[in-house]
Every structure is written in structure tokens, then in C-alpha cells.
Amino acid sequence: METPLARIFLIGLLFVATSISSVIAVEVEGLYQVEVPVADQSNKNQWGAMLEGFKVVLIRKSGSRQILTTEESRQAYRKVKAYVQRFQYLPNPEPETEFPYVLKLDFEPRLVEELIQEAGMPIWGSNRPVTIMWLAAEENFNRQILKDDAENPISGLLKVDAKRRGIPIIFPLMDLEDELNVTISDVWGRFNNTVVNASSRYGADSVVAGRLAKIGEVWQAKLSYINQGEEQFLEFDVESPELLTETLTDRVAELLCQRYCVVEALASRQIAIQVSGVNNFASFKSVQDYLQGLSSIRKIEVNKISANIIRFSATLLGDVQSVKDGIKLGRKMIVEVAPEIDPFAKPINPPVATDGDQMIEGSSGFDIPVSELTSPNLAQTGEGEVVAPVSQNENTEALTEMEGIQDVVLYYRWTE
């Protein structure tokens, strides 16, 4: 039986970066957008379509179906239109369908995230890990490793369900290199060391490997999920290929969310993130925007600047490990050892005011507009000049005592 959620079009969900050489954690677009087929433009069908789309967006952003059963979500269902940012009716591109229209919906990101936080559920950012699927499918005694093509309908169903959950997936090319390194018996028998080694060329963050087999009227899955050396078994029986791919993607999404989604702490914590290799203002903006985009960080502020090194103050939504995992996932910053000499343990040169947009000079190898420095640690005088508080002109040890809550400093180098 076709479920209402299965009928939802997911054309608006895009995964950026698809070539083998660049496959890493990707930025997923369209997380707040869905297209729902409808029979007509009546108020009744409009409300039903909005509710269906709303549930899809809540699952995508929370990473779990559990969000649908919370009291906060049930209350929100009754006023679902308040969460819709915009909508429009479009002709259904599918021929010969009982649903001649598609209702395109854009939901309000801020309201959706507030609802998820109120429900005490995690929030999953748009930077998401790539999973490679090594699947040996058997039907009518014919086995094959699934590829990203139209030969086997299961791969197509998996891509649709992955878009529904907002998880980027890829399939092996099964070109000469793959065929030399992996056999169908390796995948079928779950010889995972072989499969994981063969996955390194794709740069995926997690691996799903194993068998999908039709036995009589039942589809059986015996799979392994591997992420950062940890392995979990996924085994289940369902009645149709549609339920097979839906169950698989749901379970993978839930496992990914356990590692990468962030539950807001009751009391937000602050840490310091020190980044070197920031050689110009463009790099500074890229680093700042990148850190602010991590789902584990609520707010990022500039704390100190010295040459090509910037220390940020980060207010967290989750724990420190979730920040480390998020940075590792993006692969734009590499871990550095703490410097023997603190670059900030020296006086900051007096600032120089300029006409127009004021700049901080002498504290870095490039100029940063005052408007970009929102940290309370950087004060502005009544004359419009920017000065560092007295504590910033003291040594690092004294500064640490004053900052107190920033008891953790993470050291990275910007690589872009």
C-alpha cells in the first residue's frame, strides 16, 4: 500500500558535490522544501498536504521519526499553516496520475528549529555525511551489486528515500578498479574489511554493506553499517521493495543522527576555537561562516586576532565532541597541536581608526571591519575607535582566569 509520505515529491532536495574526487560530507539544500501531489486545490487537501510536508521536514531536521510523537509536534499539527513560509500550486509532471497538481511548500526554518528544540529533540545541520552503499541484491536467483543506474529499481527507490530523509548516498561505480578489489561474494558475505578498504577511493564517511534478497514473498536484509571503525548489524524482513528501501534509509538516518545531530544543552557552554592559516579577509569570512554553520554551535564570535591566527568564542548547542565531529566531517580544517608560544600573550598594538567603516589594524596581517567583530571582548569607545579590554593586553594565563568558562581550546588550521 502506498503511504501518504511515499507520495511526496522530493525534487527540491539537492546534494552538492557528486564527483568521486570531491565526495565528502556535503551541504544538503532544500531541507525545508517539499512538493506534495494533491487531487485538487481545496482547503481540505491543502491542509492535508501541508501536514504531510511538515512531518517530512520535522524528520529531516531532527534526524528521527520520534519527533512526530512529541506533544509539541502534535500541538503544532493543528496550526501547521503558521509554519509555512510560502506555497504554490504547480502542474504535476507525472503523466496519468490521479493527482493533477503538486503543492510546493517552503517551511520557515526558524520556527521549525524552535519547535524541535522545545520538544527536546536533536537538530541536524545541513552539512551531512556521505554514505556509500555496497549492496548485493538477489531476485530470481540473479545476484548483482547495485550501481547508480536504472538497471535495478532498488537503487532508484533508495535514492528517493534518501532524499526524503535528507541523507546523501552514493553507490560504487563497479569499474575495473572496484571489480579487482571487491567481489559480489565479499559484499554478500559481509567481508567488511575488504569493502571498507575499497571505499576509501570514494571518500565516504560511512559504509553500508551486505545482502538484499527476495525469498518467496519476503524481502530480507542482512547488512552492516560501519562508521569510524564502529560496526552495527541491520537485519530485517519486509513485504515489498518499497518497504525494504524505506526501512533501510530510516535506520541509516537514525544511526547517522546519533553521531552527528545535536541536542541543545540546558545550559549553553562556551569554548575557544583557535584557527591559523587565516591569511586575508576572505579567509576570515569563510572560517567564520563555516563555524557558524555547524549545527553544534549556537553562536560564534571573534575573540582575539594575531597575524594570521584568530581565536573565536563559540557558544555550543551540544558538547565539545559534537563540535570536533562536525569540523572533522567538513574536512576544511585540520587539527593542530597547541603552539608552545601563545600568539596572544603579547600586547595588542594600538588600533588605528579609518574613515568610513572602521578597521582593526596592527593586530592581524589584514584588515577586518569593526562591523564583523561582534564579540563583547572587543569594545568600542565613544570616539568610534576600537580598543581591546585591559584583559586582552595581559598574558594568556591571566586571560584564562578571567574567561573561566572557556576551559577548552581547540586548535585548527584552515586549509581552503
Protein backbone atom coordinates (compact mmCIF):
# COMPACT_ATOMS: atom_id res chain seq x y z
CA MET A 1 0.00 0.00 0.00
CA GLU A 2 1.28 3.44 -0.88
CA THR A 3 1.63 5.65 2.18
CA PRO A 4 0.94 9.42 2.06
CA LEU A 5 4.58 10.21 2.80
CA ALA A 6 5.71 7.94 -0.01
CA ARG A 7 3.81 10.12 -2.48
CA ILE A 8 5.74 13.26 -1.60
CA PHE A 9 7.91 14.66 -4.36
CA LEU A 10 11.42 15.50 -3.20
CA ILE A 11 12.69 17.31 -6.27
CA GLY A 12 13.74 20.35 -4.22
CA LEU A 13 16.30 18.43 -2.18
CA LEU A 14 19.77 18.73 -3.70
CA PHE A 15 23.11 17.28 -2.71
CA VAL A 16 26.10 19.46 -3.60
CA ALA A 17 29.37 17.73 -4.69
CA THR A 18 28.97 14.47 -6.51
CA SER A 19 32.22 13.55 -8.25
CA ILE A 20 34.40 10.81 -6.79
CA SER A 21 37.33 13.15 -6.27
CA SER A 22 35.24 15.55 -4.18
CA VAL A 23 32.83 13.26 -2.34
CA ILE A 24 33.00 14.23 1.32
CA ALA A 25 30.40 15.48 3.76
CA VAL A 26 28.14 17.63 1.64
CA GLU A 27 25.89 20.62 2.10
CA VAL A 28 22.31 19.43 1.68
CA GLU A 29 19.98 22.03 0.21
CA GLY A 30 16.20 22.10 0.24
CA LEU A 31 15.77 20.62 3.71
CA TYR A 32 12.77 22.87 4.36
CA GLN A 33 11.14 22.35 0.98
CA VAL A 34 8.80 19.59 -0.20
CA GLU A 35 6.38 19.06 -3.05
CA VAL A 36 3.23 17.08 -2.32
CA PRO A 37 0.89 15.74 -5.04
CA VAL A 38 -2.75 16.75 -4.50
CA ALA A 39 -6.03 15.84 -6.20
CA ASP A 40 -7.36 19.43 -6.21
CA GLN A 41 -6.82 22.87 -4.70
CA SER A 42 -9.48 22.58 -1.98
CA ASN A 43 -8.76 23.79 1.55
CA LYS A 44 -9.10 20.25 2.87
CA ASN A 45 -6.47 18.79 0.55
CA GLN A 46 -4.23 21.82 1.03
CA TRP A 47 -4.22 21.35 4.80
CA GLY A 48 -3.55 17.62 4.44
CA ALA A 49 -0.65 18.23 2.06
CA MET A 50 0.83 20.85 4.38
CA LEU A 51 0.67 18.39 7.26
CA GLU A 52 2.38 15.67 5.22
CA GLY A 53 5.14 18.04 4.14
CA PHE A 54 5.54 19.38 7.66
CA LYS A 55 6.17 15.88 9.01
CA VAL A 56 8.82 15.21 6.37
CA VAL A 57 10.66 18.44 7.26
CA LEU A 58 10.50 17.70 11.00
CA ILE A 59 12.02 14.25 10.45
CA ARG A 60 14.74 15.64 8.16
CA LYS A 61 15.79 18.35 10.59
CA SER A 62 15.56 16.29 13.78
CA GLY A 63 17.01 13.16 12.21
CA SER A 64 14.41 10.93 13.84
CA ARG A 65 10.79 9.84 13.40
CA GLN A 66 10.39 10.22 17.15
CA ILE A 67 9.75 13.93 16.65
CA LEU A 68 6.32 13.09 15.22
CA THR A 69 5.06 11.65 18.53
CA THR A 70 6.08 14.51 20.82
CA GLU A 71 3.40 16.64 22.44
CA GLU A 72 4.95 19.79 20.95
CA SER A 73 4.63 18.38 17.43
CA ARG A 74 1.04 17.23 17.97
CA GLN A 75 0.11 20.73 19.06
CA ALA A 76 1.88 22.22 16.05
CA TYR A 77 -0.07 20.00 13.63
CA ARG A 78 -3.26 21.92 14.43
CA LYS A 79 -1.67 25.20 13.29
CA VAL A 80 0.54 23.85 10.53
CA LYS A 81 -0.13 26.82 8.22
CA ALA A 82 1.73 29.06 10.67
CA TYR A 83 4.92 27.14 9.85
CA VAL A 84 4.56 27.56 6.08
CA GLN A 85 6.70 30.36 4.66
CA ARG A 86 5.25 30.18 1.14
CA PHE A 87 3.39 27.76 -1.12
CA GLN A 88 2.25 27.47 -4.72
CA TYR A 89 0.41 25.00 -6.94
CA LEU A 90 2.20 23.52 -9.94
CA PRO A 91 1.12 21.06 -12.65
CA ASN A 92 2.10 17.51 -11.79
CA PRO A 93 4.87 16.47 -14.22
CA GLU A 94 3.93 12.80 -13.81
CA PRO A 95 1.57 11.66 -16.60
CA GLU A 96 -1.57 9.62 -15.98
CA THR A 97 -1.88 10.32 -12.28
CA GLU A 98 -4.86 10.84 -10.01
CA PHE A 99 -3.07 13.88 -8.58
CA PRO A 100 -3.01 16.57 -11.30
CA TYR A 101 -1.38 19.20 -9.06
CA VAL A 102 1.72 19.48 -6.89
CA LEU A 103 1.70 21.75 -3.84
CA LYS A 104 5.20 23.21 -3.43
CA LEU A 105 5.86 24.13 0.20
CA ASP A 106 8.63 26.13 1.88
CA PHE A 107 8.63 25.96 5.66
CA GLU A 108 10.03 28.64 7.97
CA PRO A 109 13.44 27.40 9.23
CA ARG A 110 13.46 29.36 12.48
CA LEU A 111 10.03 28.13 13.58
CA VAL A 112 10.83 24.53 12.67
CA GLU A 113 14.08 24.56 14.66
CA GLU A 114 12.41 26.23 17.66
CA LEU A 115 9.73 23.54 17.68
CA ILE A 116 12.33 20.75 17.58
CA GLN A 117 14.30 22.36 20.42
CA GLU A 118 11.17 22.78 22.51
CA ALA A 119 10.48 19.08 22.03
CA GLY A 120 13.95 18.27 23.36
CA MET A 121 14.94 16.61 20.10
CA PRO A 122 18.23 16.96 18.23
CA ILE A 123 18.78 19.32 15.31
CA TRP A 124 20.66 18.08 12.28
CA GLY A 125 22.50 20.73 10.30
CA SER A 126 22.75 20.85 6.52
CA ASN A 127 26.38 19.62 6.45
CA ARG A 128 25.80 15.86 6.34
CA PRO A 129 27.96 12.75 5.94
CA VAL A 130 28.03 10.74 2.72
CA THR A 131 27.20 7.04 2.94
CA ILE A 132 28.33 4.57 0.30
CA MET A 133 26.02 1.61 -0.33
CA TRP A 134 27.65 -1.72 -1.19
CA LEU A 135 24.54 -3.86 -1.71
CA ALA A 136 24.34 -7.30 -3.30
CA ALA A 137 20.73 -7.79 -4.41
CA GLU A 138 19.30 -11.17 -5.34
CA GLU A 139 15.99 -11.78 -7.08
CA ASN A 140 15.02 -14.89 -9.09
CA PHE A 141 18.46 -16.40 -8.36
CA ASN A 142 20.18 -13.44 -10.03
CA ARG A 143 22.72 -11.53 -7.92
CA GLN A 144 24.24 -8.14 -8.69
CA ILE A 145 25.98 -5.31 -6.86
CA LEU A 146 23.77 -2.24 -7.09
CA LYS A 147 25.11 0.72 -9.05
CA ASP A 148 23.79 4.22 -9.67
CA ASP A 149 21.82 3.28 -12.77
CA ALA A 150 18.35 2.26 -13.88
CA GLU A 151 19.07 -1.46 -14.25
CA ASN A 152 17.77 -2.31 -10.79
CA PRO A 153 14.74 -0.43 -9.42
CA ILE A 154 16.01 -0.83 -5.85
CA SER A 155 18.80 1.69 -6.38
CA GLY A 156 16.24 4.20 -7.67
CA LEU A 157 13.99 3.62 -4.66
CA LEU A 158 16.96 4.07 -2.32
CA LYS A 159 17.80 7.44 -3.86
CA VAL A 160 14.21 8.66 -3.43
CA ASP A 161 14.08 7.53 0.19
CA ALA A 162 17.49 9.00 0.93
CA LYS A 163 16.28 12.36 -0.36
CA ARG A 164 13.18 12.03 1.79
CA ARG A 165 15.39 11.68 4.87
CA GLY A 166 17.97 14.21 3.71
CA ILE A 167 20.93 11.82 3.72
CA PRO A 168 23.45 11.85 0.84
CA ILE A 169 24.19 8.35 -0.52
CA ILE A 170 26.37 7.06 -3.34
CA PHE A 171 26.88 3.67 -4.99
CA PRO A 172 30.16 2.11 -6.15
CA LEU A 173 30.99 2.53 -9.82
CA MET A 174 31.92 -1.15 -10.14
CA ASP A 175 34.51 -0.19 -12.71
CA LEU A 176 37.70 -2.18 -13.27
CA GLU A 177 39.27 -0.94 -10.03
CA ASP A 178 36.26 -1.98 -7.96
CA GLU A 179 35.97 -5.34 -9.70
CA LEU A 180 39.62 -6.09 -8.97
CA ASN A 181 39.23 -5.24 -5.28
CA VAL A 182 35.72 -6.42 -4.41
CA THR A 183 33.70 -9.46 -5.49
CA ILE A 184 29.99 -10.00 -5.12
CA SER A 185 30.83 -12.71 -2.59
CA ASP A 186 32.68 -10.14 -0.47
CA VAL A 187 29.58 -7.97 -0.33
CA TRP A 188 27.12 -10.84 0.07
CA GLY A 189 29.17 -12.44 2.83
CA ARG A 190 29.86 -9.13 4.57
CA PHE A 191 33.63 -9.32 4.41
CA ASN A 192 33.68 -5.77 5.60
CA ASN A 193 37.43 -5.14 5.76
CA THR A 194 37.62 -5.66 2.01
CA VAL A 195 34.63 -3.42 1.38
CA VAL A 196 35.84 -0.64 3.69
CA ASN A 197 39.26 -0.63 2.02
CA ALA A 198 37.62 -0.39 -1.39
CA SER A 199 35.50 2.53 -0.14
CA SER A 200 38.50 4.75 0.57
CA ARG A 201 38.63 5.99 -3.04
CA TYR A 202 35.14 7.44 -2.66
CA GLY A 203 35.87 9.48 0.48
CA ALA A 204 32.56 8.45 2.08
CA ASP A 205 32.05 8.96 5.80
CA SER A 206 30.13 5.74 6.45
CA VAL A 207 29.58 2.40 4.72
CA VAL A 208 26.56 0.13 4.40
CA ALA A 209 27.37 -3.35 3.08
CA GLY A 210 25.55 -6.65 2.76
CA ARG A 211 22.75 -8.51 1.02
CA LEU A 212 19.18 -7.81 -0.05
CA ALA A 213 17.36 -10.97 -1.11
CA LYS A 214 13.82 -11.84 -2.16
CA ILE A 215 12.86 -15.14 -0.54
CA GLY A 216 9.39 -16.17 -1.60
CA GLU A 217 7.18 -13.14 -0.98
CA VAL A 218 9.51 -11.58 1.57
CA TRP A 219 12.47 -9.25 1.12
CA GLN A 220 15.27 -9.96 3.56
CA ALA A 221 18.09 -7.57 4.52
CA LYS A 222 21.33 -8.65 6.23
CA LEU A 223 23.59 -5.59 6.36
CA SER A 224 26.43 -3.97 8.25
CA TYR A 225 26.72 -0.26 8.99
CA ILE A 226 30.30 0.96 9.54
CA ASN A 227 31.23 4.45 10.73
CA GLN A 228 34.70 5.42 12.02
CA GLY A 229 35.60 1.79 12.71
CA GLU A 230 32.39 1.02 14.61
CA GLU A 231 30.13 -1.67 13.14
CA GLN A 232 26.43 -2.35 13.69
CA PHE A 233 24.21 -5.01 12.14
CA LEU A 234 20.98 -4.15 10.32
CA GLU A 235 18.72 -7.16 9.74
CA PHE A 236 15.02 -7.12 8.90
CA ASP A 237 12.30 -8.73 6.73
CA VAL A 238 9.65 -6.74 4.84
CA GLU A 239 6.97 -7.44 2.26
CA SER A 240 7.94 -5.18 -0.65
CA PRO A 241 10.95 -3.45 -2.21
CA GLU A 242 9.41 -0.09 -1.27
CA LEU A 243 9.36 -1.06 2.42
CA LEU A 244 12.85 -2.51 2.03
CA THR A 245 14.43 0.77 0.91
CA GLU A 246 12.31 2.88 3.26
CA THR A 247 13.33 0.78 6.29
CA LEU A 248 16.98 0.78 5.27
CA THR A 249 17.23 4.55 4.80
CA ASP A 250 15.29 5.20 8.00
CA ARG A 251 17.67 3.05 10.03
CA VAL A 252 20.78 4.53 8.45
CA ALA A 253 19.47 8.06 9.04
CA GLU A 254 18.78 7.31 12.70
CA LEU A 255 22.29 5.88 13.17
CA LEU A 256 23.89 8.89 11.48
CA CYS A 257 21.87 11.23 13.65
CA GLN A 258 23.06 9.51 16.82
CA ARG A 259 26.57 10.68 15.93
CA TYR A 260 26.01 13.99 14.16
CA CYS A 261 22.77 15.51 15.47
CA VAL A 262 22.92 17.93 18.38
CA VAL A 263 20.56 18.21 21.35
CA GLU A 264 20.64 21.66 22.89
CA ALA A 265 22.04 21.61 26.39
CA LEU A 266 20.02 23.18 29.20
CA ALA A 267 22.95 25.48 29.93
CA SER A 268 24.95 26.57 26.90
CA ARG A 269 28.70 26.09 27.18
CA GLN A 270 31.44 28.20 25.66
CA ILE A 271 34.74 27.04 24.26
CA ALA A 272 37.51 28.71 22.28
CA ILE A 273 38.43 27.67 18.75
CA GLN A 274 41.80 28.92 17.53
CA VAL A 275 42.32 28.84 13.76
CA SER A 276 45.60 29.51 11.95
CA GLY A 277 46.14 29.97 8.22
CA VAL A 278 43.68 32.86 8.01
CA ASN A 279 45.66 34.99 5.60
CA ASN A 280 43.13 37.51 4.35
CA PHE A 281 39.67 38.88 4.96
CA ALA A 282 38.06 36.40 2.54
CA SER A 283 39.55 33.52 4.54
CA PHE A 284 38.36 35.12 7.76
CA LYS A 285 34.79 35.31 6.46
CA SER A 286 34.95 31.74 5.18
CA VAL A 287 36.13 30.44 8.56
CA GLN A 288 33.55 32.47 10.46
CA ASP A 289 30.68 31.37 8.22
CA TYR A 290 31.86 27.76 8.30
CA LEU A 291 31.94 27.61 12.10
CA GLN A 292 28.62 29.42 12.40
CA GLY A 293 27.10 26.85 10.05
CA LEU A 294 27.93 23.90 12.32
CA SER A 295 24.81 22.50 13.95
CA SER A 296 26.68 22.07 17.25
CA ILE A 297 27.42 25.82 17.55
CA ARG A 298 24.76 28.34 18.50
CA LYS A 299 26.89 31.47 18.11
CA ILE A 300 30.43 32.26 17.02
CA GLU A 301 32.26 35.49 17.91
CA VAL A 302 35.72 36.85 17.25
CA ASN A 303 37.72 36.87 20.47
CA LYS A 304 41.31 37.70 19.51
CA ILE A 305 43.42 38.29 16.41
CA SER A 306 47.16 37.95 15.90
CA ALA A 307 48.87 37.83 12.48
CA ASN A 308 47.14 35.01 10.59
CA ILE A 309 45.62 33.43 13.71
CA ILE A 310 42.12 34.09 15.01
CA ARG A 311 40.61 32.82 18.22
CA PHE A 312 36.83 32.52 18.23
CA SER A 313 34.49 32.22 21.18
CA ALA A 314 31.88 29.53 20.44
CA THR A 315 28.63 29.09 22.32
CA LEU A 316 27.62 25.45 21.97
CA LEU A 317 24.30 23.70 21.49
CA GLY A 318 25.76 20.30 22.32
CA ASP A 319 29.04 19.02 23.73
CA VAL A 320 32.64 19.54 22.66
CA GLN A 321 32.82 16.17 20.91
CA SER A 322 29.93 17.15 18.63
CA VAL A 323 31.95 20.22 17.57
CA LYS A 324 35.00 18.08 16.85
CA ASP A 325 32.90 15.61 14.85
CA GLY A 326 31.29 18.40 12.85
CA ILE A 327 34.64 20.00 11.99
CA LYS A 328 36.14 16.64 11.06
CA LEU A 329 33.16 15.92 8.85
CA GLY A 330 33.59 19.11 6.83
CA ARG A 331 37.29 18.46 6.10
CA LYS A 332 38.09 22.16 5.73
CA MET A 333 40.12 22.40 8.94
CA ILE A 334 42.86 20.12 10.22
CA VAL A 335 43.79 19.58 13.85
CA GLU A 336 46.89 21.38 15.09
CA VAL A 337 48.99 20.90 18.20
CA ALA A 338 48.72 23.76 20.68
CA PRO A 339 51.56 26.24 19.99
CA GLU A 340 54.39 26.37 22.51
CA ILE A 341 54.24 30.17 22.47
CA ASP A 342 50.76 31.67 22.75
CA PRO A 343 50.39 34.20 19.91
CA PHE A 344 48.09 36.26 22.11
CA ALA A 345 50.45 36.51 25.09
CA LYS A 346 51.71 39.89 23.94
CA PRO A 347 50.20 43.37 23.86
CA ILE A 348 47.86 44.15 21.03
CA ASN A 349 49.11 47.14 19.01
CA PRO A 350 47.06 50.30 19.38
CA PRO A 351 44.22 50.42 16.87
CA VAL A 352 44.09 52.95 14.07
CA ALA A 353 40.75 54.46 13.15
CA THR A 354 39.99 54.96 9.48
CA ASP A 355 37.37 56.93 7.63
CA GLY A 356 34.11 55.18 6.86
CA ASP A 357 33.99 51.61 8.13
CA GLN A 358 36.50 51.42 10.97
CA MET A 359 39.16 48.73 10.84
CA ILE A 360 41.36 46.96 13.35
CA GLU A 361 44.95 47.29 12.17
CA GLY A 362 48.21 46.08 13.63
CA SER A 363 46.60 43.00 15.24
CA SER A 364 46.48 40.91 12.08
CA GLY A 365 48.01 40.65 8.65
CA PHE A 366 44.84 42.03 7.08
CA ASP A 367 42.08 44.48 7.93
CA ILE A 368 38.73 43.43 9.41
CA PRO A 369 35.77 45.80 9.54
CA VAL A 370 34.53 46.60 13.03
CA SER A 371 31.05 45.51 11.92
CA GLU A 372 32.39 41.94 11.63
CA LEU A 373 33.65 41.88 15.22
CA THR A 374 30.61 41.27 17.37
CA SER A 375 32.37 39.85 20.41
CA PRO A 376 31.80 41.68 23.71
CA ASN A 377 35.55 41.20 24.26
CA LEU A 378 36.18 43.87 21.63
CA ALA A 379 34.90 47.21 22.90
CA GLN A 380 34.18 50.44 21.03
CA THR A 381 34.92 53.81 22.61
CA GLY A 382 32.72 56.85 22.40
CA GLU A 383 35.11 58.29 19.81
CA GLY A 384 34.45 55.38 17.47
CA GLU A 385 37.85 53.75 17.92
CA VAL A 386 38.10 50.02 18.61
CA VAL A 387 40.18 49.01 21.60
CA ALA A 388 40.90 45.74 23.36
CA PRO A 389 39.89 45.46 27.03
CA VAL A 390 42.72 45.52 29.55
CA SER A 391 42.48 41.75 29.97
CA GLN A 392 43.46 41.26 26.33
CA ASN A 393 46.71 43.12 26.92
CA GLU A 394 47.70 40.73 29.71
CA ASN A 395 49.29 37.32 29.36
CA THR A 396 47.41 34.19 28.44
CA GLU A 397 47.36 32.79 31.96
CA ALA A 398 45.61 35.85 33.34
CA LEU A 399 43.21 35.85 30.44
CA THR A 400 42.26 32.22 31.07
CA GLU A 401 41.43 33.01 34.68
CA MET A 402 39.14 35.82 33.61
CA GLU A 403 37.39 33.89 30.87
CA GLY A 404 36.80 30.91 33.13
CA ILE A 405 34.04 29.17 31.21
CA GLN A 406 36.24 28.83 28.15
CA ASP A 407 38.17 25.95 29.72
CA VAL A 408 38.59 24.20 26.37
CA VAL A 409 40.60 25.49 23.41
CA LEU A 410 40.50 23.61 20.10
CA TYR A 411 43.36 24.25 17.65
CA TYR A 412 42.91 24.01 13.88
CA ARG A 413 44.44 25.17 10.61
CA TRP A 414 42.21 26.48 7.80
CA THR A 415 43.02 24.61 4.58
CA GLU A 416 40.96 26.36 1.90
